[in-house]
Each structure stands twice: as structure tokens, then as C-alpha cells.
N, C-alpha and C. Protein backbone atom coordinates (compact mmCIF):
# COMPACT_ATOMS: atom_id res chain seq x y z
N UNK A 1 123.12 113.92 119.79
CA UNK A 1 123.10 111.80 119.18
C UNK A 1 122.46 111.52 120.68
N UNK A 2 121.61 110.83 119.97
CA UNK A 2 120.39 109.81 120.99
C UNK A 2 120.82 108.33 120.91
N UNK A 3 121.31 107.64 121.86
CA UNK A 3 121.30 106.12 121.89
C UNK A 3 121.07 105.42 122.93
N UNK A 4 120.04 104.28 123.47
CA UNK A 4 120.17 104.02 124.63
C UNK A 4 120.04 102.59 124.89
N UNK A 5 121.10 102.07 126.07
CA UNK A 5 121.50 100.30 126.27
C UNK A 5 119.80 100.48 127.54
N UNK A 6 119.26 99.07 126.60
CA UNK A 6 118.48 98.60 127.45
C UNK A 6 118.07 97.10 127.48
N UNK A 7 117.56 96.92 128.89
CA UNK A 7 117.78 95.27 129.15
C UNK A 7 116.54 94.70 128.51
N UNK A 8 116.23 93.59 127.84
CA UNK A 8 115.68 92.90 126.92
C UNK A 8 115.41 91.88 127.55
N UNK A 9 114.19 91.06 127.99
CA UNK A 9 114.19 90.28 128.80
C UNK A 9 113.36 89.65 128.24
N UNK A 10 113.54 87.55 128.33
CA UNK A 10 112.82 86.47 127.19
C UNK A 10 111.73 86.17 128.66
N UNK A 11 111.12 85.68 128.09
CA UNK A 11 110.19 84.52 128.92
C UNK A 11 109.68 83.41 128.00
N UNK A 12 109.27 82.01 127.60
CA UNK A 12 108.36 82.03 127.43
C UNK A 12 106.97 82.42 127.30
N UNK A 13 106.27 82.14 128.84
CA UNK A 13 104.84 83.31 127.93
C UNK A 13 105.06 84.02 129.59
N UNK A 14 104.03 84.65 129.79
CA UNK A 14 103.94 85.48 130.83
C UNK A 14 104.15 86.92 130.64
N UNK A 15 105.05 87.43 129.61
CA UNK A 15 105.79 88.68 129.30
C UNK A 15 105.12 89.89 130.20
N UNK A 16 103.16 89.98 129.59
CA UNK A 16 102.82 91.29 130.05
C UNK A 16 102.35 90.86 131.36
N UNK A 17 102.28 90.35 132.16
CA UNK A 17 101.75 89.96 133.77
C UNK A 17 103.15 90.62 134.29
N UNK A 18 104.49 90.03 133.82
CA UNK A 18 106.10 90.61 133.93
C UNK A 18 105.93 92.62 133.98
N UNK A 19 105.64 92.61 133.00
CA UNK A 19 105.61 93.81 132.56
C UNK A 19 104.46 94.86 133.41
N UNK A 20 103.73 94.53 134.15
CA UNK A 20 102.61 95.35 134.34
C UNK A 20 103.29 95.48 135.80
N UNK A 21 103.71 94.50 136.50
CA UNK A 21 104.50 94.13 137.68
C UNK A 21 104.77 95.26 138.00
N UNK A 22 106.41 95.31 136.78
CA UNK A 22 107.21 95.85 136.55
C UNK A 22 106.61 97.69 136.94
N UNK A 23 105.82 97.93 136.21
CA UNK A 23 105.13 99.33 136.08
C UNK A 23 104.63 99.34 137.39
N UNK A 24 103.79 98.55 138.13
CA UNK A 24 103.75 98.88 139.47
C UNK A 24 104.76 99.08 140.90
N UNK A 25 105.54 98.62 140.31
CA UNK A 25 107.18 98.56 140.85
C UNK A 25 107.52 99.87 141.02
N UNK A 26 108.09 100.42 139.50
CA UNK A 26 108.72 101.85 138.98
C UNK A 26 108.31 102.96 138.80
N UNK A 27 107.06 102.35 138.13
CA UNK A 27 105.93 104.15 137.52
C UNK A 27 105.91 102.89 135.84
N UNK A 28 104.97 104.38 135.05
CA UNK A 28 105.53 104.10 133.64
C UNK A 28 104.13 103.03 133.08
N UNK A 29 103.28 103.37 132.25
CA UNK A 29 102.63 102.09 131.52
C UNK A 29 103.42 102.04 130.72
N UNK A 30 103.06 100.45 130.49
CA UNK A 30 103.87 99.52 129.46
C UNK A 30 102.57 99.30 128.26
N UNK A 31 103.41 99.45 127.30
CA UNK A 31 103.21 98.75 126.03
C UNK A 31 103.50 97.22 126.24
N UNK A 32 102.38 96.68 124.91
CA UNK A 32 102.51 95.28 124.96
C UNK A 32 101.79 95.02 123.26
N UNK A 33 102.46 94.71 122.31
CA UNK A 33 102.30 94.05 121.22
C UNK A 33 102.20 92.59 120.60
N UNK A 34 101.53 91.73 120.65
CA UNK A 34 101.26 90.53 120.54
C UNK A 34 101.83 90.42 118.98
N UNK A 35 101.98 89.01 118.94
CA UNK A 35 102.53 88.45 117.59
C UNK A 35 101.25 88.59 116.66
N UNK A 36 100.00 88.36 117.26
CA UNK A 36 99.25 88.22 115.81
C UNK A 36 99.06 90.31 115.72
N UNK A 37 99.18 90.82 116.27
CA UNK A 37 98.60 92.38 116.30
C UNK A 37 100.18 93.06 114.97
N UNK A 38 101.16 92.04 115.45
CA UNK A 38 102.55 92.53 114.40
C UNK A 38 102.42 91.65 113.05
N UNK A 39 101.68 91.22 112.74
CA UNK A 39 101.25 90.59 111.34
C UNK A 39 101.78 88.67 111.73
N UNK A 40 101.71 88.37 112.56
CA UNK A 40 101.92 86.98 112.77
C UNK A 40 103.32 86.27 112.73
N UNK A 41 104.24 87.17 111.47
CA UNK A 41 105.68 86.18 111.65
C UNK A 41 106.01 84.88 111.89
N UNK A 42 105.16 84.45 111.40
CA UNK A 42 104.84 83.13 110.74
C UNK A 42 104.60 81.83 112.09
N UNK A 43 104.08 82.92 112.79
CA UNK A 43 103.81 81.41 114.42
C UNK A 43 102.88 80.94 113.89
N UNK A 44 102.52 79.75 114.63
CA UNK A 44 101.18 78.46 114.77
C UNK A 44 100.39 79.72 115.10
N UNK A 45 99.73 79.44 115.03
CA UNK A 45 98.52 80.40 115.92
C UNK A 45 97.80 80.50 116.92
N UNK A 46 98.09 78.97 117.56
CA UNK A 46 98.31 78.87 118.99
C UNK A 46 99.54 79.52 120.09
N UNK A 47 100.12 80.40 119.14
CA UNK A 47 101.29 81.35 120.22
C UNK A 47 101.22 82.84 119.48
N UNK A 48 99.78 82.85 118.51
CA UNK A 48 100.15 84.34 118.39
C UNK A 48 99.36 85.22 119.43
N UNK A 49 98.85 84.74 120.76
CA UNK A 49 98.33 85.62 121.44
C UNK A 49 100.20 86.16 122.46
N UNK A 50 101.14 85.12 122.32
CA UNK A 50 102.23 85.64 122.89
C UNK A 50 102.84 87.08 122.31
N UNK A 51 103.48 87.83 123.37
CA UNK A 51 104.29 88.88 122.87
C UNK A 51 105.26 89.34 122.68
N UNK A 52 105.13 89.90 121.33
CA UNK A 52 106.70 89.32 120.46
C UNK A 52 107.03 91.06 121.14
N UNK A 53 106.24 92.06 121.77
CA UNK A 53 107.50 93.07 122.31
C UNK A 53 106.99 93.99 123.34
N UNK A 54 106.87 94.02 124.17
CA UNK A 54 106.42 94.68 125.21
C UNK A 54 108.05 96.08 125.89
N UNK A 55 107.70 96.91 126.28
CA UNK A 55 108.05 97.88 126.70
C UNK A 55 107.68 99.40 127.53
N UNK A 56 108.52 99.02 128.60
CA UNK A 56 108.20 99.77 129.73
C UNK A 56 108.98 101.46 130.14
N UNK A 57 108.20 102.57 129.70
CA UNK A 57 109.56 103.46 129.90
C UNK A 57 108.83 104.21 131.62
N UNK A 58 109.84 104.60 131.99
CA UNK A 58 109.20 105.22 133.09
C UNK A 58 109.51 106.75 133.48
N UNK A 59 109.18 107.87 134.08
CA UNK A 59 109.34 108.53 134.53
C UNK A 59 110.90 109.71 134.44
N UNK A 60 111.33 108.52 135.29
CA UNK A 60 112.74 109.11 135.52
C UNK A 60 113.36 108.31 134.62
N UNK A 61 113.23 107.99 133.88
CA UNK A 61 114.13 107.44 132.48
C UNK A 61 114.13 106.02 132.04
N UNK A 62 113.80 104.93 133.03
CA UNK A 62 114.56 103.66 132.96
C UNK A 62 113.41 103.25 132.15
N UNK A 63 113.89 102.26 131.06
CA UNK A 63 113.49 101.44 129.82
C UNK A 63 113.51 100.11 130.12
N UNK A 64 112.69 99.32 130.20
CA UNK A 64 112.59 97.81 130.20
C UNK A 64 112.20 97.22 128.58
N UNK A 65 112.45 96.26 128.22
CA UNK A 65 111.79 95.52 127.38
C UNK A 65 111.99 94.12 127.60
N UNK A 66 110.71 93.70 127.14
CA UNK A 66 110.60 92.21 127.33
C UNK A 66 109.69 91.81 126.22
N UNK A 67 109.71 90.43 125.86
CA UNK A 67 108.84 89.60 124.46
C UNK A 67 108.81 87.86 125.16
N UNK A 68 107.75 87.35 124.92
CA UNK A 68 107.22 85.80 125.06
C UNK A 68 108.15 85.18 124.22
N UNK A 69 109.07 84.20 123.38
CA UNK A 69 110.37 83.60 123.06
C UNK A 69 109.26 82.15 121.94
N UNK A 70 108.89 82.41 121.56
CA UNK A 70 108.56 81.17 120.87
C UNK A 70 108.65 79.89 121.03
N UNK A 71 107.72 79.47 121.08
CA UNK A 71 107.92 77.04 121.25
C UNK A 71 109.79 76.98 120.37
N UNK A 72 109.42 77.82 119.41
CA UNK A 72 110.18 76.97 118.27
C UNK A 72 112.13 77.75 118.88
N UNK A 73 112.14 78.37 119.46
CA UNK A 73 113.23 79.09 120.02
C UNK A 73 113.08 78.90 121.57
N UNK A 74 115.14 78.94 121.57
CA UNK A 74 115.35 78.63 123.47
C UNK A 74 115.19 80.21 124.31
N UNK A 75 114.80 80.03 125.10
CA UNK A 75 115.45 81.21 125.83
C UNK A 75 116.61 81.26 127.11
N UNK A 76 116.93 82.53 126.65
CA UNK A 76 118.19 82.70 126.62
C UNK A 76 118.01 82.95 128.55
N UNK A 77 119.36 82.54 129.08
CA UNK A 77 119.60 82.60 130.63
C UNK A 77 119.71 83.82 131.39
N UNK A 78 120.23 85.08 130.51
CA UNK A 78 120.32 86.02 130.33
C UNK A 78 119.77 86.58 129.79
N UNK A 79 118.54 86.28 128.93
CA UNK A 79 117.57 87.75 128.17
C UNK A 79 118.98 88.29 126.47
N UNK A 80 118.25 89.42 126.42
CA UNK A 80 118.99 90.07 125.06
C UNK A 80 119.77 91.23 125.64
N UNK A 81 120.90 91.95 124.96
CA UNK A 81 121.10 93.44 125.51
C UNK A 81 120.12 94.13 123.80
N UNK A 82 119.32 95.19 124.19
CA UNK A 82 119.01 95.88 122.84
C UNK A 82 119.53 97.33 122.92
N UNK A 83 120.23 98.27 121.50
CA UNK A 83 121.13 99.43 121.51
C UNK A 83 119.95 99.89 120.35
N UNK A 84 118.99 100.76 120.58
CA UNK A 84 118.03 101.36 120.00
C UNK A 84 118.54 103.17 119.93
N UNK A 85 118.43 103.91 118.52
CA UNK A 85 118.50 105.01 118.52
C UNK A 85 118.51 105.77 117.12
N UNK A 86 118.53 107.23 117.36
CA UNK A 86 119.19 107.51 115.67
C UNK A 86 120.38 107.58 115.25
N UNK A 87 121.06 107.77 115.84
CA UNK A 87 122.36 107.59 115.38
C UNK A 87 123.25 106.89 114.69
N UNK A 88 122.85 106.65 113.11
CA UNK A 88 123.53 105.24 112.72
C UNK A 88 124.91 104.93 112.65
N UNK A 89 125.24 106.08 112.65
CA UNK A 89 126.87 105.44 112.48
C UNK A 89 127.19 104.75 113.68
N UNK A 90 127.06 105.81 114.88
CA UNK A 90 127.15 104.92 116.22
C UNK A 90 127.03 103.45 116.18
N UNK A 91 125.84 103.27 115.65
CA UNK A 91 125.36 101.97 116.10
C UNK A 91 125.44 101.13 115.13
N UNK A 92 125.74 101.36 113.95
CA UNK A 92 126.57 100.70 112.79
C UNK A 92 127.47 100.05 113.17
N UNK A 93 128.78 101.04 113.93
CA UNK A 93 130.22 100.79 114.19
C UNK A 93 129.52 99.70 115.68
N UNK A 94 128.33 99.89 116.64
CA UNK A 94 128.64 99.11 117.34
C UNK A 94 128.05 97.51 117.41
N UNK A 95 127.50 97.71 115.96
CA UNK A 95 126.69 96.29 115.50
C UNK A 95 127.97 95.84 114.99
N UNK A 96 129.61 96.66 114.29
CA UNK A 96 130.24 95.59 113.72
C UNK A 96 130.86 95.02 114.70
N UNK A 97 131.44 95.51 115.87
CA UNK A 97 132.08 95.27 116.58
C UNK A 97 131.13 94.31 117.13
N UNK A 98 130.17 93.89 117.65
CA UNK A 98 129.28 93.05 118.13
C UNK A 98 129.11 91.62 117.43
N UNK A 99 129.13 91.83 116.12
CA UNK A 99 129.49 90.53 115.67
C UNK A 99 130.70 90.34 114.78
N UNK A 100 132.01 91.14 114.93
CA UNK A 100 132.82 90.53 114.80
C UNK A 100 133.18 88.90 115.91
N UNK A 101 133.52 88.01 114.91
CA UNK A 101 133.98 87.24 115.88
C UNK A 101 132.69 85.89 116.74
N UNK A 102 131.65 86.71 115.97
CA UNK A 102 130.25 86.42 116.92
C UNK A 102 129.27 85.82 115.31
N UNK A 103 128.03 85.81 115.74
CA UNK A 103 127.24 84.99 114.35
C UNK A 103 125.79 86.04 114.54
N UNK A 104 126.02 86.33 113.61
CA UNK A 104 124.37 86.60 112.84
C UNK A 104 123.67 86.37 112.89
N UNK A 105 122.10 86.19 113.53
CA UNK A 105 121.09 85.91 113.85
C UNK A 105 120.46 86.04 112.81
N UNK A 106 119.92 87.59 112.85
CA UNK A 106 119.16 88.53 111.95
C UNK A 106 119.56 90.04 111.07
N UNK A 107 120.06 90.21 110.13
CA UNK A 107 121.01 90.93 109.09
C UNK A 107 120.39 92.25 109.68
N UNK A 108 121.28 92.78 109.29
CA UNK A 108 120.80 94.46 110.22
C UNK A 108 120.48 95.11 108.45
N UNK A 109 119.21 95.27 108.42
CA UNK A 109 118.20 95.69 107.32
C UNK A 109 116.97 96.09 107.45
N UNK A 110 116.92 97.20 106.97
CA UNK A 110 115.58 97.77 106.96
C UNK A 110 114.09 96.70 107.25
N UNK A 111 113.24 96.90 108.45
CA UNK A 111 112.43 96.11 109.16
C UNK A 111 111.25 96.63 108.31
N UNK A 112 110.21 95.65 109.03
CA UNK A 112 108.80 95.63 108.08
C UNK A 112 108.19 97.28 109.01
N UNK A 113 109.14 97.55 109.77
CA UNK A 113 108.21 98.68 110.90
C UNK A 113 108.89 99.95 109.83
N UNK A 114 109.65 100.01 109.29
CA UNK A 114 109.95 100.88 109.06
C UNK A 114 111.77 101.47 109.62
N UNK A 115 112.11 100.91 110.83
CA UNK A 115 113.58 101.16 110.99
C UNK A 115 114.87 99.69 110.77
N UNK A 116 116.21 99.99 111.11
CA UNK A 116 116.91 99.22 110.37
C UNK A 116 117.39 98.02 111.59
N UNK A 117 116.95 96.62 111.82
CA UNK A 117 117.01 96.05 113.06
C UNK A 117 118.04 94.72 112.47
N UNK A 118 118.36 94.34 113.22
CA UNK A 118 119.60 93.15 113.03
C UNK A 118 119.26 92.67 114.58
N UNK A 119 119.91 91.06 115.01
CA UNK A 119 120.04 90.44 115.50
C UNK A 119 121.60 89.53 115.91
N UNK A 120 122.21 89.75 116.86
CA UNK A 120 123.48 89.25 116.83
C UNK A 120 124.09 88.48 118.47
N UNK A 121 124.68 87.17 117.99
CA UNK A 121 125.37 86.81 119.20
C UNK A 121 126.87 87.22 119.71
N UNK A 122 127.62 87.42 120.41
CA UNK A 122 128.93 88.35 120.02
C UNK A 122 129.56 87.32 120.74
N UNK A 123 130.95 86.93 120.31
CA UNK A 123 131.81 85.83 120.62
C UNK A 123 131.84 85.71 122.15
N UNK A 124 130.88 86.14 123.26
CA UNK A 124 131.17 85.79 124.39
C UNK A 124 129.79 85.16 124.58
N UNK A 125 129.02 84.84 123.73
CA UNK A 125 127.84 84.29 123.85
C UNK A 125 126.55 85.54 124.39
N UNK A 126 126.52 86.52 124.70
CA UNK A 126 125.61 87.45 125.06
C UNK A 126 124.64 88.01 123.70
N UNK A 127 123.58 88.03 123.68
CA UNK A 127 122.57 88.20 122.40
C UNK A 127 122.11 89.29 122.26
N UNK A 128 122.38 90.28 120.98
CA UNK A 128 122.24 91.98 121.18
C UNK A 128 121.13 92.50 119.73
N UNK A 129 120.17 93.13 120.13
CA UNK A 129 119.39 93.81 119.15
C UNK A 129 119.54 94.86 118.61
N UNK A 130 119.84 95.43 117.55
CA UNK A 130 120.55 97.15 117.57
C UNK A 130 118.70 97.05 116.66
N UNK A 131 118.37 98.24 116.58
CA UNK A 131 117.31 98.87 116.46
C UNK A 131 117.78 100.52 115.83
N UNK A 132 118.41 100.52 114.23
CA UNK A 132 118.05 102.30 114.09
C UNK A 132 117.31 102.79 114.02
N UNK A 133 116.48 103.63 114.33
CA UNK A 133 115.47 104.26 114.15
C UNK A 133 115.04 104.83 112.65
N UNK A 134 113.81 104.48 112.06
CA UNK A 134 113.85 105.56 110.68
C UNK A 134 113.23 106.68 110.52
N UNK A 135 113.24 107.31 109.05
CA UNK A 135 113.27 108.33 109.05
C UNK A 135 111.27 108.80 109.89
N UNK A 136 111.38 109.78 110.18
CA UNK A 136 110.26 109.85 110.53
C UNK A 136 108.73 110.09 109.62
N UNK A 137 108.09 109.92 109.33
CA UNK A 137 107.00 109.73 108.05
C UNK A 137 105.94 111.49 108.14
């Protein structure tokens, strides 16, 4: 069973600089994808350069994720917590508990990148993302 709990930070802009700095502090090499590289996600051309997803995994097992938030969305004060892994039953159970009394932002369903993905805000106002890894190609 493999499940990880990863902090996911949100910024209006500057995510690339942030993860590069954290790499200099913690080690590791960040991976960064812009909205343009990820199909545009329906954003205006002026926001296509923004980071849709960045991830830093260090040699000692730390994982940090981050993104630039489109202008049409609010930047959360506390970021978003991301749960991901291949244990579908456990992650779906977590999802069910998180949405109980909360609200679903993106339903937990098959995503364009092949995984099952959903976003919600729990009853306490904490944002969550759940990503269940798809079958290997």
C-alpha cells in the first residue's frame, strides 16, 4: 500500500522561483509544467506561462508541490493538501470522509492525464486534492 501526504502551496505567480529555491535548500530537482504545456486548461493567453503544477521530491523523501493560481481563482491562505497514491480503496474512503459536510470543487473522476482526480473543501475550510494513480501503460 502506497499513500503519500504532500503539502501543495499556491501563489499568484512565482512558483517556479519558489520551487527552485526549495531545491537549493532541501536538494532534489523540481519538475514544472505550465498551463500551456498542459493543454491550456481554458485560461487566457496571458496566463498560459503560469505554473499549473510543480513538484519537488528530495533524496530523503520530502515532497513539496506548488502552483500559480489563475487570476479567476482565489489564492488560499493555507494552500491545499494533496493525497496521492495507488491504493484506490483507501483514497476513495479518505475522499468520502473529506467531502462529508464539505463541498466538491472537482468530482473524483478520470482525469485527462490518466489518473482519477478530485478536489474538495472539507467542512473546516481546508482544501484537498486526491489523485489515484492510473494503470501503468
